[in-house]
Amino acid sequence: MRTAPSSDDAHAIVFFQRHKDDDPDRRAPGRDALNSYPAGVRAKMRAALVAVAAAPPKRFAGGGYWEAMKGDMSGWFEVRMDGPRRHHYRLFCLLDYEAKGEDKPLLVVVDGRDKPFRTTLSDADYATVRRMGAEYRKRNPRSVI
């Protein structure tokens, strides 16, 4: 008898939406970032998310588009795309198997960042992403769209 979603299941793609108690405007940082990227990057990232979610994620062999992160970002996944003028675009995602009221596991797009070629994101950028992840996980049912 099955009681919870499994990592072997196809995942539902959702975007973290900030709770009104944390952000009265209820922004969705990952969706906002994705929507700000150039059209070609957006299309490729959406296609990558769909492929990863269907695979499911642990079985996805994505040629560098879907990467497990390490160190302080352990437990996070990154969708990576290069855009015009070799600018780098990133979406930071979590996999959630504990979301109440969901019949599928969730691939949650939490936040996004972009950066010029051959640069790195700052420790402050990564800390902000981790804070958004903690905010996402502190409520269940989850705040997603």
Protein backbone atom coordinates (compact mmCIF):
# COMPACT_ATOMS: atom_id res chain seq x y z
CA MET A 1 0.00 0.00 0.00
CA ARG A 2 1.40 3.34 -1.04
CA THR A 3 1.14 6.27 1.36
CA ALA A 4 3.20 9.04 -0.25
CA PRO A 5 4.60 10.16 -3.59
CA SER A 6 7.77 8.38 -4.66
CA SER A 7 10.96 9.67 -6.27
CA ASP A 8 10.21 7.14 -9.05
CA ASP A 9 7.02 9.03 -10.01
CA ALA A 10 6.78 11.76 -12.60
CA HIS A 11 6.90 15.09 -10.78
CA ALA A 12 4.56 18.07 -10.99
CA ILE A 13 6.32 21.36 -11.81
CA VAL A 14 5.31 24.17 -9.48
CA PHE A 15 6.66 27.59 -8.54
CA PHE A 16 7.17 28.65 -4.94
CA GLN A 17 4.97 31.63 -4.16
CA ARG A 18 5.84 33.65 -1.10
CA HIS A 19 3.21 33.66 1.64
CA LYS A 20 1.37 36.91 2.36
CA ASP A 21 2.87 36.95 5.88
CA ASP A 22 6.38 37.03 4.38
CA ASP A 23 5.68 39.12 1.28
CA PRO A 24 2.41 41.06 0.96
CA ASP A 25 2.86 41.10 -2.84
CA ARG A 26 3.10 37.25 -2.85
CA ARG A 27 5.91 37.21 -5.41
CA ALA A 28 7.07 33.98 -7.01
CA PRO A 29 10.85 34.52 -7.29
CA GLY A 30 11.57 31.55 -9.59
CA ARG A 31 8.72 32.35 -11.96
CA ASP A 32 9.62 36.05 -11.95
CA ALA A 33 13.24 35.20 -12.80
CA LEU A 34 12.23 32.79 -15.58
CA ASN A 35 9.84 35.32 -17.09
CA SER A 36 12.61 37.94 -17.15
CA TYR A 37 14.99 35.76 -19.21
CA PRO A 38 15.29 36.09 -23.00
CA ALA A 39 12.59 34.20 -24.94
CA GLY A 40 14.94 31.48 -26.19
CA VAL A 41 16.32 30.83 -22.72
CA ARG A 42 12.78 30.69 -21.28
CA ALA A 43 11.68 28.16 -23.89
CA LYS A 44 14.71 25.92 -23.34
CA MET A 45 14.37 26.09 -19.56
CA ARG A 46 10.69 25.22 -19.68
CA ALA A 47 11.46 22.28 -21.98
CA ALA A 48 14.21 21.12 -19.61
CA LEU A 49 11.86 21.32 -16.60
CA VAL A 50 9.23 19.26 -18.42
CA ALA A 51 11.81 16.63 -19.42
CA VAL A 52 13.24 16.42 -15.90
CA ALA A 53 9.80 16.16 -14.27
CA ALA A 54 8.72 13.40 -16.66
CA ALA A 55 11.95 11.37 -16.38
CA PRO A 56 11.71 11.56 -13.17
CA PRO A 57 14.53 13.82 -11.86
CA LYS A 58 16.76 11.10 -10.38
CA ARG A 59 16.81 9.33 -13.77
CA PHE A 60 17.29 12.41 -15.93
CA ALA A 61 20.50 12.51 -17.93
CA GLY A 62 20.36 16.09 -19.02
CA GLY A 63 23.63 17.00 -20.63
CA GLY A 64 24.43 19.69 -18.08
CA TYR A 65 21.01 21.34 -18.03
CA TRP A 66 19.96 19.73 -14.72
CA GLU A 67 22.63 19.53 -12.05
CA ALA A 68 22.65 18.50 -8.40
CA MET A 69 24.40 21.15 -6.35
CA LYS A 70 27.05 20.55 -3.70
CA GLY A 71 28.41 22.08 -0.52
CA ASP A 72 26.15 24.66 1.12
CA MET A 73 23.64 24.07 -1.70
CA SER A 74 23.45 20.30 -1.17
CA GLY A 75 19.86 19.13 -1.73
CA TRP A 76 19.28 21.79 -4.39
CA PHE A 77 19.17 21.33 -8.14
CA GLU A 78 20.00 23.85 -10.81
CA VAL A 79 18.61 24.27 -14.31
CA ARG A 80 21.43 25.88 -16.29
CA MET A 81 21.27 27.64 -19.64
CA ASP A 82 23.53 29.94 -21.54
CA GLY A 83 21.90 32.81 -23.35
CA PRO A 84 22.84 35.56 -25.76
CA ARG A 85 26.38 36.85 -25.47
CA ARG A 86 27.18 33.79 -23.35
CA HIS A 87 25.26 35.17 -20.37
CA HIS A 88 24.40 32.44 -17.82
CA TYR A 89 20.88 31.81 -16.49
CA ARG A 90 19.99 29.62 -13.50
CA LEU A 91 16.85 28.31 -11.81
CA PHE A 92 17.20 26.84 -8.33
CA CYS A 93 14.89 23.93 -7.60
CA LEU A 94 13.94 21.58 -4.78
CA LEU A 95 12.31 18.16 -4.96
CA ASP A 96 9.49 17.77 -2.45
CA TYR A 97 8.04 14.41 -1.41
CA GLU A 98 6.30 15.68 1.73
CA ALA A 99 3.88 18.31 0.38
CA LYS A 100 0.46 17.77 1.91
CA GLY A 101 -2.46 17.37 -0.46
CA GLU A 102 -0.32 16.52 -3.50
CA ASP A 103 -0.68 13.23 -5.35
CA LYS A 104 2.62 13.67 -7.19
CA PRO A 105 6.02 14.66 -5.90
CA LEU A 106 6.88 18.28 -6.65
CA LEU A 107 9.69 19.78 -8.67
CA VAL A 108 9.65 23.24 -7.11
CA VAL A 109 11.23 26.20 -8.88
CA VAL A 110 12.18 28.36 -5.91
CA ASP A 111 14.36 31.15 -7.29
CA GLY A 112 16.50 32.20 -10.25
CA ARG A 113 19.59 34.22 -10.99
CA ASP A 114 21.60 35.29 -14.01
CA LYS A 115 25.20 36.33 -14.33
CA PRO A 116 27.73 37.42 -16.92
CA PHE A 117 29.98 34.85 -18.59
CA ARG A 118 32.86 33.55 -16.45
CA THR A 119 31.59 35.05 -13.22
CA THR A 120 30.23 33.38 -10.11
CA LEU A 121 27.22 34.12 -7.99
CA SER A 122 28.02 35.63 -4.61
CA ASP A 123 27.68 33.88 -1.28
CA ALA A 124 24.89 36.39 -0.56
CA ASP A 125 23.01 35.22 -3.69
CA TYR A 126 23.22 31.60 -2.58
CA ALA A 127 22.19 32.57 0.98
CA THR A 128 19.11 34.33 -0.41
CA VAL A 129 18.18 31.23 -2.42
CA ARG A 130 18.55 29.05 0.69
CA ARG A 131 16.38 31.49 2.70
CA MET A 132 13.66 31.21 0.04
CA GLY A 133 13.92 27.41 0.32
CA ALA A 134 13.56 27.57 4.10
CA GLU A 135 10.54 29.84 3.69
CA TYR A 136 9.02 27.35 1.23
CA ARG A 137 9.52 24.39 3.59
CA LYS A 138 8.21 26.10 6.75
CA ARG A 139 4.56 25.75 5.63
CA ASN A 140 2.74 22.61 4.67
CA PRO A 141 0.48 22.66 2.66
CA ARG A 142 3.07 24.40 0.53
CA SER A 143 2.67 27.86 -0.96
CA VAL A 144 2.93 27.14 -4.68
CA ILE A 145 1.41 28.16 -7.99
